Protein backbone atom coordinates (compact mmCIF):
# COMPACT_ATOMS: atom_id res chain seq x y z
CA MET A 1 20.20 17.26 29.36
CA ARG A 2 19.45 17.48 25.40
CA ILE A 3 16.06 18.45 26.08
CA LEU A 4 17.16 20.50 28.91
CA LEU A 5 18.91 22.36 26.18
CA LEU A 6 17.10 22.37 23.33
CA LEU A 7 14.21 23.97 25.39
CA SER A 8 16.45 26.47 27.22
CA LEU A 9 17.49 27.43 23.38
CA ALA A 10 14.39 28.01 22.22
CA ALA A 11 12.88 30.07 24.81
CA CYS A 12 15.90 33.04 23.31
CA GLN A 13 14.30 35.06 21.22
CA SER A 14 17.91 35.58 19.33
CA PHE A 15 17.46 31.67 18.85
CA VAL A 16 18.21 30.87 15.02
CA VAL A 17 16.63 27.86 13.75
CA PRO A 18 17.29 26.04 10.76
CA ASN A 19 14.10 25.34 8.96
CA THR A 20 14.49 21.86 7.77
CA VAL A 21 14.07 18.99 9.67
CA GLY A 22 15.61 15.20 8.86
CA ILE A 23 12.36 13.23 8.75
CA ARG A 24 11.73 9.47 9.50
CA GLY A 25 10.23 7.57 6.05
CA GLY A 26 9.44 4.11 7.33
CA SER A 27 12.25 2.24 7.94
CA GLY A 28 15.06 4.75 7.02
CA LEU A 29 15.62 8.45 7.32
CA ARG A 30 14.58 10.63 4.10
CA SER A 31 17.93 12.02 2.45
CA ASN A 32 18.50 15.74 2.33
CA SER A 33 16.74 16.12 -0.64
CA ALA A 34 13.81 14.64 1.01
CA ARG A 35 13.45 16.91 3.81
CA MET A 36 10.12 18.47 4.78
CA ALA A 37 10.45 22.22 5.73
CA VAL A 38 9.11 23.58 8.65
CA ALA A 39 8.05 27.41 9.83
CA ALA A 40 10.69 29.04 11.91
CA PRO A 41 9.25 29.88 15.13
CA GLN A 42 8.12 33.50 15.65
CA THR A 43 8.90 35.67 18.98
CA GLY A 44 6.73 34.35 21.76
CA ASN A 45 5.69 30.69 19.88
CA ALA A 46 9.05 28.90 19.99
CA PHE A 47 7.58 26.48 22.90
CA LYS A 48 4.82 25.50 20.35
CA TRP A 49 7.25 25.34 17.49
CA LEU A 50 9.22 22.98 19.32
CA THR A 51 6.42 20.85 20.15
CA ASP A 52 5.15 20.90 16.35
CA ILE A 53 8.85 18.91 15.73
CA PHE A 54 8.75 16.60 18.65
CA SER A 55 4.85 15.48 17.50
CA PHE A 56 5.93 14.90 13.96
CA SER A 57 9.60 13.36 14.76
CA LYS A 58 7.03 10.45 16.29
CA ALA A 59 4.99 10.23 13.24
CA SER A 60 7.85 7.59 11.44
CA VAL A 61 4.75 5.73 10.46
CA PRO A 62 2.66 7.35 7.75
CA LYS A 63 -1.06 6.98 8.12
CA ASP A 64 -3.63 5.83 5.34
CA ALA A 65 -1.25 6.26 2.64
CA VAL A 66 -0.69 5.00 -0.39
CA LEU A 67 1.99 2.77 -1.53
CA VAL A 68 3.95 3.67 -4.94
CA ILE A 69 5.25 0.92 -6.27
CA GLY A 70 8.01 1.88 -8.69
CA ALA A 71 7.84 4.90 -8.02
CA SER A 72 11.53 5.95 -9.81
CA GLY A 73 9.31 5.06 -12.82
CA ARG A 74 8.68 7.65 -15.30
CA ALA A 75 4.71 6.52 -14.70
CA GLY A 76 4.88 6.03 -11.05
CA ARG A 77 6.78 9.30 -10.23
CA GLU A 78 4.00 10.93 -11.78
CA VAL A 79 1.14 8.95 -10.14
CA VAL A 80 3.37 10.09 -6.70
CA LYS A 81 3.76 13.69 -7.32
CA GLU A 82 -0.48 13.95 -8.11
CA LEU A 83 -1.60 11.67 -5.34
CA LEU A 84 0.95 14.40 -3.15
CA ALA A 85 -1.29 17.35 -4.67
CA SER A 86 -4.73 15.99 -3.79
CA GLY A 87 -3.56 15.51 -0.02
CA ARG A 88 -2.94 11.51 0.03
CA SER A 89 -0.05 10.20 1.98
CA VAL A 90 2.48 9.02 -0.34
CA VAL A 91 5.26 5.94 0.53
CA ALA A 92 6.92 5.54 -2.37
CA ALA A 93 9.20 2.44 -3.04
CA GLY A 94 11.65 1.27 -5.57
CA ARG A 95 15.34 -0.06 -5.53
CA THR A 96 17.16 3.13 -4.27
CA GLN A 97 16.80 5.67 -2.42
CA SER A 98 18.97 8.37 -4.14
CA LYS A 99 17.00 7.53 -7.67
CA ILE A 100 13.16 8.19 -6.01
CA THR A 101 14.57 11.17 -4.99
CA GLU A 102 16.40 12.36 -8.06
CA ALA A 103 12.83 11.33 -10.05
CA LEU A 104 10.40 12.82 -7.82
CA GLY A 105 12.87 16.23 -7.78
CA ASP A 106 11.32 19.28 -6.26
CA ALA A 107 8.34 16.86 -4.76
CA ALA A 108 10.66 14.69 -2.59
CA GLY A 109 10.58 17.53 -0.39
CA ALA A 110 6.76 17.33 -0.02
CA ARG A 111 4.64 17.00 3.30
CA GLY A 112 2.89 13.26 3.19
CA LEU A 113 6.31 11.55 1.26
CA TRP A 114 7.56 8.82 2.63
CA VAL A 115 10.57 7.47 0.74
CA LYS A 116 11.58 3.80 0.84
CA GLU A 117 14.35 1.44 -0.31
CA GLY A 118 15.40 -1.56 -1.02
CA LEU A 119 12.05 -3.14 -2.76
CA ASP A 120 13.25 -5.44 -4.96
CA VAL A 121 9.57 -7.51 -6.86
CA THR A 122 12.29 -10.29 -7.97
CA ALA A 123 12.61 -11.18 -4.86
CA GLU A 124 10.23 -14.24 -3.15
CA GLU A 125 8.74 -12.22 -0.78
CA ILE A 126 8.74 -8.39 -0.15
CA PRO A 127 9.07 -7.28 3.01
CA GLU A 128 5.76 -5.99 5.12
CA THR A 129 7.61 -3.21 6.51
CA PHE A 130 6.77 -1.66 3.06
CA PHE A 131 3.06 -2.13 4.22
CA GLU A 132 2.98 0.10 7.21
CA GLY A 133 0.94 2.55 7.79
CA VAL A 134 -0.90 1.40 3.91
CA THR A 135 -4.37 1.16 3.04
CA GLN A 136 -4.26 1.56 -0.99
CA VAL A 137 -1.26 0.11 -3.15
CA VAL A 138 -0.31 2.09 -6.73
CA SER A 139 1.83 -0.80 -8.65
CA CYS A 140 3.67 1.50 -11.56
CA LEU A 141 6.06 -1.80 -12.53
CA GLY A 142 7.25 -2.25 -15.82
CA PRO A 143 10.92 -4.12 -17.45
CA SER A 144 13.79 -3.02 -18.30
CA PHE A 145 15.12 -3.27 -21.77
CA SER A 146 19.04 -2.98 -20.52
CA ASP A 147 19.05 -5.81 -18.05
CA PRO A 148 17.83 -9.15 -18.44
CA ALA A 149 17.44 -9.77 -15.32
CA LEU A 150 14.42 -7.61 -15.28
CA ASN A 151 12.81 -8.31 -18.67
CA ALA A 152 8.63 -8.37 -18.54
CA GLU A 153 8.10 -11.63 -17.18
CA ALA A 154 10.41 -11.07 -14.17
CA VAL A 155 8.99 -7.67 -13.56
CA ASP A 156 5.29 -7.49 -15.58
CA TYR A 157 4.01 -10.59 -14.43
CA ARG A 158 6.32 -12.46 -11.39
CA GLY A 159 7.20 -8.59 -9.79
CA ASN A 160 3.23 -7.67 -9.88
CA ALA A 161 2.64 -11.53 -8.33
CA ALA A 162 4.82 -10.59 -5.70
CA VAL A 163 3.21 -7.23 -5.06
CA LEU A 164 0.07 -9.33 -4.44
CA ARG A 165 1.21 -12.00 -2.56
CA ALA A 166 2.20 -8.97 -0.02
CA CYS A 167 -0.82 -7.19 -0.05
CA GLU A 168 -2.75 -10.42 0.72
CA ARG A 169 -0.44 -10.77 3.97
CA ALA A 170 -0.87 -7.25 4.68
CA GLY A 171 -4.45 -7.71 4.62
CA LEU A 172 -4.99 -5.07 2.00
CA ALA A 173 -8.43 -6.51 1.63
CA SER A 174 -9.82 -5.35 4.83
CA THR A 175 -8.54 -2.08 4.92
CA ALA A 176 -10.12 1.52 6.19
CA ALA A 177 -9.79 2.87 2.12
CA ALA A 178 -11.16 -0.77 0.71
CA ALA A 179 -13.74 -1.85 2.97
CA ALA A 180 -17.29 -0.44 2.96
CA ALA A 181 -19.17 1.06 5.67
CA SER A 182 -22.50 2.35 6.92
CA ALA A 183 -23.71 4.56 9.36
CA PRO A 184 -27.57 4.57 10.41
CA LEU A 185 -29.41 8.10 10.17
CA CYS A 186 -32.52 6.88 12.16
CA ASP A 187 -33.89 4.21 14.27
CA PHE A 188 -37.49 2.72 12.25
CA ALA A 189 -37.19 -0.68 14.37
CA SER A 190 -38.13 0.80 17.57
CA GLY A 191 -40.11 3.30 16.11
CA ALA A 192 -37.77 5.64 18.64
CA SER A 193 -36.66 8.56 15.54
CA LEU A 194 -40.52 8.54 14.47
CA PRO A 195 -41.32 11.94 16.89
CA GLU A 196 -38.94 14.20 14.94
CA TRP A 197 -40.33 13.76 11.54
CA ALA A 198 -42.71 16.00 11.24
CA PRO A 199 -45.33 16.49 7.98
CA LEU A 200 -45.00 18.50 5.09
CA ASP A 201 -47.78 18.36 3.05
CA ASP A 202 -49.35 21.00 0.18
CA VAL A 203 -51.79 22.32 3.02
CA ILE A 204 -48.89 24.83 3.51
CA MET A 205 -49.86 26.45 0.10
CA GLY A 206 -53.97 25.34 0.17
CA GLY A 207 -53.59 21.87 -1.42
CA LYS A 208 -55.40 19.31 0.70
CA SER A 209 -53.16 16.65 0.86
CA SER A 210 -51.56 14.77 4.06
CA SER A 211 -49.70 11.70 5.10
CA ALA A 212 -48.41 10.56 8.51
CA TRP A 213 -46.57 7.96 9.86
CA ASP A 214 -47.26 4.94 11.50
CA ALA A 215 -44.89 2.95 14.21
CA ALA A 216 -43.22 -0.31 14.09
CA ALA A 217 -45.46 -2.53 15.94
CA GLY A 218 -45.08 -6.05 16.61
CA ASP A 219 -42.43 -8.18 15.01
CA ARG A 220 -42.57 -4.98 12.16
CA ASP A 221 -39.10 -3.57 11.96
CA PHE A 222 -39.74 -1.11 10.13
CA ALA A 223 -42.30 2.27 9.95
CA ARG A 224 -44.63 3.05 7.43
CA TRP A 225 -45.20 6.66 6.13
CA SER A 226 -48.89 6.78 3.97
CA GLY A 227 -51.71 9.21 2.82
CA GLU A 228 -53.76 10.63 0.54
CA LEU A 229 -51.92 12.53 -2.67
CA VAL A 230 -54.75 15.17 -4.00
CA THR A 231 -53.31 16.72 -7.43
CA ASP A 232 -55.67 19.24 -7.21
CA GLY A 233 -53.98 21.49 -5.81
CA GLY A 234 -50.38 21.67 -4.61
CA GLY A 235 -50.16 17.91 -5.42
CA PHE A 236 -47.23 16.38 -2.84
CA CYS A 237 -46.66 15.12 -0.02
CA GLY A 238 -43.61 15.44 2.52
CA THR A 239 -41.91 14.97 5.79
CA VAL A 240 -38.78 15.83 7.28
CA VAL A 241 -36.93 15.95 10.27
CA LYS A 242 -35.67 19.39 10.43
CA LYS A 243 -33.26 19.22 12.73
CA LEU A 244 -30.93 16.03 12.65
CA ASN A 245 -27.63 17.62 12.34
CA PHE A 246 -25.00 15.01 10.82
CA ASP A 247 -21.43 14.89 8.48
CA THR A 248 -21.24 13.27 5.55
CA ALA A 249 -17.59 12.96 5.17
CA GLY A 250 -16.01 10.07 4.34
CA TYR A 251 -19.12 8.93 2.97
CA ASP A 252 -20.53 8.34 -0.86
CA GLY A 253 -24.46 8.59 -0.31
CA ILE A 254 -27.30 8.11 1.27
CA ARG A 255 -29.13 4.54 1.51
CA LEU A 256 -32.66 3.65 1.81
CA VAL A 257 -34.79 0.18 2.70
CA VAL A 258 -38.11 0.84 1.24
CA ARG A 259 -41.26 -0.86 0.41
CA GLY A 260 -43.05 0.69 -1.46
CA ASP A 261 -46.52 0.56 -3.82
CA GLY A 262 -44.46 1.43 -7.66
CA SER A 263 -44.23 5.18 -6.89
CA ARG A 264 -41.12 7.49 -7.79
CA PHE A 265 -40.21 9.17 -4.42
CA LYS A 266 -37.77 11.59 -3.46
CA PHE A 267 -35.40 12.20 -1.06
CA ARG A 268 -34.15 15.92 -0.01
CA LEU A 269 -30.98 16.66 1.98
CA LYS A 270 -30.08 20.30 3.45
CA PRO A 271 -27.19 21.57 3.88
CA ALA A 272 -26.45 23.54 7.23
CA ASP A 273 -26.03 26.57 5.30
CA MET A 274 -29.68 26.37 4.41
CA ALA A 275 -31.38 25.16 7.52
CA GLN A 276 -33.74 28.41 7.50
CA ALA A 277 -34.35 28.89 3.70
CA ASN A 278 -37.13 27.16 3.57
CA GLU A 279 -37.61 27.16 -0.42
CA TYR A 280 -33.90 25.66 -1.14
CA GLN A 281 -32.75 22.21 -0.46
CA TYR A 282 -31.44 18.85 -2.97
CA GLN A 283 -33.27 16.71 -4.22
CA ALA A 284 -32.77 12.98 -5.04
CA SER A 285 -35.18 10.42 -6.47
CA PHE A 286 -35.62 6.73 -6.15
CA ASP A 287 -37.93 4.64 -7.61
CA THR A 288 -40.16 1.31 -5.95
CA VAL A 289 -41.65 -1.77 -6.49
CA ASP A 290 -45.16 -2.55 -5.88
CA GLY A 291 -44.75 -4.36 -2.41
CA ALA A 292 -41.34 -5.89 -2.82
CA TRP A 293 -38.59 -4.43 -0.73
CA VAL A 294 -36.01 -2.59 -2.91
CA THR A 295 -32.29 -0.99 -1.84
CA ALA A 296 -32.03 2.58 -3.40
CA GLU A 297 -28.56 4.08 -3.15
CA LEU A 298 -28.21 7.63 -4.39
CA PRO A 299 -25.16 8.67 -4.15
CA PHE A 300 -24.17 13.01 -3.66
CA SER A 301 -23.48 13.74 -7.18
CA ALA A 302 -27.44 12.65 -7.85
CA PHE A 303 -28.79 15.21 -5.87
CA THR A 304 -30.11 18.21 -7.46
CA ALA A 305 -30.31 21.89 -6.30
CA VAL A 306 -33.73 22.98 -6.38
CA ARG A 307 -35.75 25.69 -5.01
CA ARG A 308 -39.47 24.39 -5.01
CA ASN A 309 -39.83 22.51 -8.15
CA ASP A 310 -37.16 24.93 -9.87
CA VAL A 311 -33.84 23.13 -10.54
CA ILE A 312 -30.53 25.89 -9.67
CA TYR A 313 -28.18 24.42 -12.06
CA ALA A 314 -25.56 27.21 -10.66
CA ALA A 315 -25.77 25.74 -7.34
CA PRO A 316 -22.70 23.79 -6.06
CA PRO A 317 -22.72 19.65 -5.16
CA VAL A 318 -24.65 19.31 -2.51
CA ASP A 319 -21.91 18.73 0.11
CA LYS A 320 -19.47 20.93 -1.53
CA GLY A 321 -21.03 24.33 -0.31
CA PRO A 322 -20.40 26.34 2.37
CA SER A 323 -21.52 23.70 4.91
CA GLY A 324 -19.69 21.37 3.12
CA THR A 325 -20.40 18.28 4.08
CA LYS A 326 -22.10 19.32 7.11
CA MET A 327 -25.84 18.45 7.16
CA SER A 328 -28.91 20.09 9.42
CA SER A 329 -32.06 18.03 7.82
CA ILE A 330 -33.15 15.53 5.91
CA GLY A 331 -36.68 14.33 4.17
CA ILE A 332 -38.93 12.03 1.90
CA VAL A 333 -41.14 13.74 -0.88
CA LEU A 334 -44.19 12.58 -3.17
CA SER A 335 -44.82 14.69 -5.48
CA ARG A 336 -46.69 15.05 -9.21
CA PHE A 337 -44.57 16.85 -10.58
CA GLU A 338 -40.29 15.32 -11.11
CA TYR A 339 -38.52 19.07 -11.54
CA ASN A 340 -38.88 22.16 -13.37
CA GLU A 341 -42.94 20.88 -12.98
CA TYR A 342 -42.53 18.35 -15.73
CA ALA A 343 -44.78 15.37 -14.61
CA ASN A 344 -43.83 12.64 -12.49
CA TYR A 345 -44.97 9.43 -14.65
CA LYS A 346 -44.77 7.20 -11.51
CA CYS A 347 -46.97 8.88 -9.45
CA LYS A 348 -50.49 8.96 -9.30
CA PRO A 349 -53.38 10.44 -7.01
CA GLY A 350 -54.92 9.16 -4.05
CA PRO A 351 -53.26 6.55 -1.08
CA PHE A 352 -50.05 5.76 -1.46
CA SER A 353 -47.61 4.33 1.02
CA LEU A 354 -44.03 3.16 1.83
CA ASP A 355 -42.72 1.15 3.74
CA VAL A 356 -39.47 2.67 5.47
CA ARG A 357 -36.46 0.01 6.82
CA ALA A 358 -33.47 2.45 7.33
CA ILE A 359 -31.88 5.42 5.94
CA GLU A 360 -28.21 5.17 6.73
CA LEU A 361 -25.20 6.66 5.10
CA TYR A 362 -23.38 4.50 2.74
CA ARG A 363 -19.74 4.36 1.57
CA HIS A 364 -18.31 1.64 -0.77
CA ALA A 365 -15.35 -0.31 -0.85
CA ARG A 366 -12.07 1.54 -3.01
CA PRO A 367 -10.00 -0.48 -4.72
CA ALA A 368 -7.36 -1.80 -2.29
CA VAL A 369 -4.90 -2.41 -5.63
CA VAL A 370 -4.88 -0.46 -8.78
CA LEU A 371 -2.61 -1.48 -11.48
CA VAL A 372 -1.08 0.45 -14.20
CA SER A 373 -1.38 -1.86 -17.05
CA SER A 374 -1.52 -1.28 -20.86
CA ALA A 375 -4.30 -1.15 -23.79
CA GLY A 376 -3.36 -3.93 -26.04
CA ALA A 377 -2.76 -6.60 -23.62
CA GLU A 378 -6.09 -8.07 -23.62
CA ARG A 379 -6.16 -7.92 -27.62
CA VAL A 380 -3.42 -9.72 -27.98
CA ASN A 381 -4.65 -12.52 -26.37
CA ARG A 382 -7.67 -12.82 -27.68
CA LEU A 383 -6.53 -12.28 -31.70
CA THR A 384 -5.16 -14.79 -33.97
CA ALA A 385 -1.88 -14.63 -35.61
CA GLU A 386 -3.26 -12.96 -38.47
CA GLU A 387 -5.21 -10.75 -36.59
CA ARG A 388 -2.28 -9.35 -35.30
CA ALA A 389 -0.09 -9.46 -37.94
CA LYS A 390 -3.11 -6.75 -38.85
CA ASP A 391 -3.58 -5.03 -35.40
CA ILE A 392 -2.03 -1.74 -34.01
CA PRO A 393 2.28 -1.50 -34.41
CA ILE A 394 2.52 -2.18 -30.09
CA VAL A 395 0.52 -5.55 -30.51
CA GLN A 396 2.58 -6.55 -33.79
CA LEU A 397 5.78 -6.03 -31.62
CA ASN A 398 4.91 -6.92 -28.06
CA PRO A 399 8.22 -6.64 -27.42
CA GLN A 400 9.44 -9.41 -24.61
CA GLY A 401 5.62 -10.12 -25.05
CA ILE A 402 5.15 -7.40 -22.50
CA LEU A 403 1.64 -7.57 -23.11
CA ASN A 404 1.16 -11.08 -22.59
CA TRP A 405 3.10 -10.99 -19.26
CA LYS A 406 1.04 -7.72 -18.40
CA PHE A 407 -1.84 -9.53 -18.77
CA LYS A 408 -0.93 -12.37 -17.29
CA ALA A 409 -0.33 -9.83 -14.01
CA GLU A 410 -4.13 -8.67 -14.41
CA THR A 411 -5.72 -11.66 -14.50
CA ALA A 412 -3.98 -12.60 -11.33
CA LEU A 413 -5.08 -9.38 -9.70
CA ARG A 414 -8.58 -10.34 -11.21
CA THR A 415 -8.80 -13.67 -9.26
CA SER A 416 -7.34 -12.94 -6.34
CA GLY A 417 -10.06 -11.75 -4.15
CA VAL A 418 -8.31 -8.04 -3.54
CA PRO A 419 -10.40 -5.26 -4.13
CA TYR A 420 -8.95 -3.58 -7.31
CA ALA A 421 -8.95 -1.72 -10.32
CA ILE A 422 -6.56 -1.91 -13.26
CA VAL A 423 -5.88 1.15 -15.19
CA ARG A 424 -4.91 0.43 -19.32
CA ALA A 425 -2.91 3.01 -20.58
CA ALA A 426 -2.96 4.07 -24.14
CA GLY A 427 0.37 4.70 -26.07
CA LEU A 428 2.30 7.03 -23.73
CA LEU A 429 3.53 10.35 -25.11
CA PRO A 430 7.40 11.28 -24.99
CA GLY A 431 7.28 13.96 -22.09
CA ALA A 432 5.17 13.74 -18.61
CA LYS A 433 2.93 17.08 -19.15
CA GLY A 434 2.27 17.24 -22.76
CA ASP A 435 0.45 20.38 -24.27
CA GLY A 436 -1.45 21.03 -21.58
CA PRO A 437 -4.81 19.30 -19.11
CA ARG A 438 -7.59 17.37 -21.42
CA LEU A 439 -10.43 15.15 -21.13
CA LEU A 440 -10.09 11.85 -20.95
CA GLN A 441 -11.65 9.05 -22.35
CA LEU A 442 -12.06 5.58 -20.79
CA GLY A 443 -13.02 2.34 -22.72
CA GLN A 444 -13.43 -1.21 -22.24
CA ALA A 445 -12.68 -4.81 -23.83
CA ASP A 446 -9.55 -3.08 -25.02
CA ARG A 447 -10.90 -2.09 -28.15
CA PHE A 448 -9.35 1.70 -28.40
CA SER A 449 -6.28 3.31 -29.09
CA GLY A 450 -4.97 6.73 -28.76
CA ARG A 451 -2.17 8.72 -26.91
CA ILE A 452 -2.35 9.82 -22.96
CA THR A 453 0.71 11.78 -21.41
CA ARG A 454 2.10 9.90 -18.05
CA ALA A 455 0.63 13.10 -16.10
CA GLU A 456 -2.46 12.86 -17.37
CA LEU A 457 -2.57 8.63 -16.56
CA ALA A 458 -1.60 9.90 -12.98
CA LYS A 459 -5.01 11.78 -13.02
CA ALA A 460 -6.86 8.55 -14.03
CA VAL A 461 -5.21 6.78 -11.22
CA ALA A 462 -5.53 9.34 -8.39
CA ALA A 463 -9.60 9.40 -9.79
CA THR A 464 -9.69 5.37 -9.30
CA LEU A 465 -8.32 5.27 -5.79
CA ASN A 466 -10.50 7.63 -4.47
CA SER A 467 -13.97 6.32 -6.73
CA PRO A 468 -16.58 4.81 -5.01
CA HIS A 469 -17.57 2.94 -8.35
CA ALA A 470 -14.11 1.83 -9.70
CA THR A 471 -13.89 -1.44 -7.71
CA GLY A 472 -13.65 -4.31 -9.77
CA LYS A 473 -13.33 -3.03 -12.92
CA THR A 474 -10.62 -3.03 -16.11
CA PHE A 475 -10.61 -0.10 -18.57
CA GLU A 476 -8.16 1.94 -21.22
CA VAL A 477 -7.74 5.50 -20.54
CA ARG A 478 -6.32 7.88 -23.63
CA ARG A 479 -6.72 11.48 -24.31
CA ASP A 480 -9.56 13.13 -25.69
CA GLU A 481 -8.35 14.98 -29.20
CA SER A 482 -10.88 16.58 -29.68
CA GLU A 483 -10.77 20.26 -30.39
CA ASP A 484 -13.39 21.25 -27.48
CA ALA A 485 -11.32 18.94 -24.95
CA ALA A 486 -8.02 20.70 -24.96
CA GLY A 487 -6.87 23.08 -21.67
CA VAL A 488 -10.06 21.23 -19.81
CA ASP A 489 -9.42 19.70 -16.31
CA PRO A 490 -10.26 16.24 -16.79
CA LEU A 491 -10.71 15.49 -12.97
CA PRO A 492 -14.40 16.51 -12.62
CA THR A 493 -15.33 14.04 -15.32
CA LEU A 494 -14.21 11.06 -14.65
CA PRO A 495 -16.15 10.22 -11.48
CA ALA A 496 -18.71 9.71 -13.91
CA GLN A 497 -17.23 7.69 -16.41
CA LEU A 498 -16.05 5.20 -13.62
CA ALA A 499 -19.52 4.95 -12.79
CA ALA A 500 -20.68 4.03 -16.05
CA LEU A 501 -18.14 1.11 -16.54
CA VAL A 502 -19.22 -2.26 -16.63
CA PRO A 503 -17.55 -4.37 -13.47
CA ASP A 504 -15.86 -6.84 -14.83
CA ARG A 505 -17.69 -9.58 -13.20
CA ASP A 506 -20.77 -8.69 -15.41
CA ARG A 507 -19.37 -8.16 -18.55
CA ALA A 508 -20.52 -11.25 -19.99
CA VAL A 509 -24.44 -9.88 -19.44
CA ARG A 510 -23.76 -6.46 -20.47
CA ALA A 511 -22.82 -6.27 -24.17
CA LEU A 512 -18.65 -6.88 -23.48
CA PRO A 513 -16.65 -9.68 -24.38
CA PRO A 514 -15.64 -12.22 -21.66
CA PHE A 515 -11.50 -11.94 -21.27
CA PRO A 516 -9.95 -14.25 -22.98
CA ALA A 517 -7.25 -17.09 -21.38
CA ALA A 518 -3.99 -15.91 -20.55
CA ARG A 519 -1.41 -16.76 -22.96
CA ASP A 520 2.23 -17.36 -22.92
CA PRO A 521 3.73 -14.87 -25.48
CA PRO A 522 4.27 -16.08 -29.60
CA PRO A 523 7.28 -16.22 -31.38
CA PRO A 524 8.40 -12.20 -31.99
CA PRO A 525 9.39 -10.75 -35.34
CA ASP A 526 12.40 -11.38 -36.72
CA ALA A 527 14.18 -7.96 -37.72
CA ALA A 528 12.84 -7.78 -40.68
CA GLY A 529 9.58 -8.29 -39.70
CA VAL A 530 10.33 -5.34 -36.96
CA GLN A 531 11.65 -3.32 -39.72
CA ALA A 532 8.52 -3.71 -41.48
CA ILE A 533 6.67 -2.79 -38.77
CA LEU A 534 8.57 0.55 -37.50
CA SER A 535 8.04 1.24 -41.05
CA ASP A 536 4.11 2.11 -40.63
CA PRO A 537 2.73 5.03 -41.85
CA ARG A 538 1.11 4.87 -38.50
CA VAL A 539 4.17 4.55 -36.59
CA ARG A 540 6.73 7.39 -38.84
CA ALA A 541 3.14 9.77 -38.43
CA GLN A 542 3.00 9.09 -34.53
CA GLN A 543 6.96 9.83 -34.76
CA ALA A 544 6.77 13.00 -36.73
CA ARG A 545 3.95 14.07 -34.39
CA ASP A 546 6.44 13.38 -31.41
CA GLY A 547 9.23 15.42 -32.80
CA LYS A 548 11.31 11.66 -31.72
CA GLY A 549 11.69 8.22 -32.80
CA ALA A 550 8.98 5.92 -30.99
CA GLU A 551 9.33 5.30 -27.36
């Protein structure tokens, strides 16, 4: 009867529809402050609007969402806002719904937000209902300095340990966001794809080079592209598939499994909008080892737009142009030139060969868990008592032993087997936004100090969640205080910085010190010691810059 009444009312042009509806956020209905705006129906469109309402009411469980634990905290709320702004679905979890929605302010009504209350990280277990529809987790937990039950050990260490156990039970290590993936573009084992490949040698411009494919035979699971490179004239051999329409959305790049002769080749991509522009393409170079199979991964960020051999510096990234992620053609090139007519020093005239076993799209795993930690957490465990007494004030003070407990939480995550990343914030500035956008700097091994706003920290966390190069890495982040860093959006520069970081497992072979053992906190300084630390000129100078006491 209720449905029939709604249908009849919706068909009436004079029906006034409220512009908000309550939305279920997992296990409970959001408060009025967390409603989602729904456009009022237009005449003749009432049935569609009503269908949308019923369809949306079924979406009580998020999809591919990020669970932000500690969402009502000052850092957590900024992470929630940044993720929502980037288009991610977010589950904001905390102790009480009212506190979360109050902390989020206007963002509490954003599309894609679910609010879940009743999270107690000091409990023995965290209910799996918090993980419904969740593929990644950000922990922004922090202690209370007024409630002894929520001290640094209970929250930063044992609370994060409880979160980690819950993540393991929820199977986050195998979620779609964390799992690596691949999709073949060609079949070389059977040779079925070879008729699609056509030569594109320098004979088209009067050269004398030539090349051809040789299909797999016998027990071979690869095909061979070979030929003769003649540098008098054009000086290149190429082979292309001109009509291989595919979409790269959700993938990070192109992966080739090849065996060459030590030459440097190029792989070419053509976005769909360039299909008829013969001279234009995107290229990325890859090296081969004479007689050995290698796997070459070419991230889309490595592709350079060229016209013939000249770089088009103003061109958009290969997957950000008019056709987006839709591609029309692939190819392989051996040329005596690299780019802008600079010589390819790994190319020599004469016979060449390239065995190709696979060409595929690939996607690397993303972090399933991102832990927001603190700069100084590693350092305090590495330094002697005498060294700590001379270090930065936070290392000397270490209230509640917070840096030690944070490092213990880091260690538990690093050794868990769950795909992770650990983001260590430099000194947090008062206020969320600071003085506008500014470039950020990433570092490792806890060697630098600095400052950062919580909004800037949230951008680093969002970039980390989406990066194919962040998994298994621990790093510090601070704002770039140089003059030319002011007013610059940091997001475009973060992917390259994340890619350049050393994986934790490789620190010992990449000139970074191994992680120290996690130790219990040292005895805290006495009242006189605290006063001496707070009188440090560095602390006073920072207070003067911030216009308030140390935070």
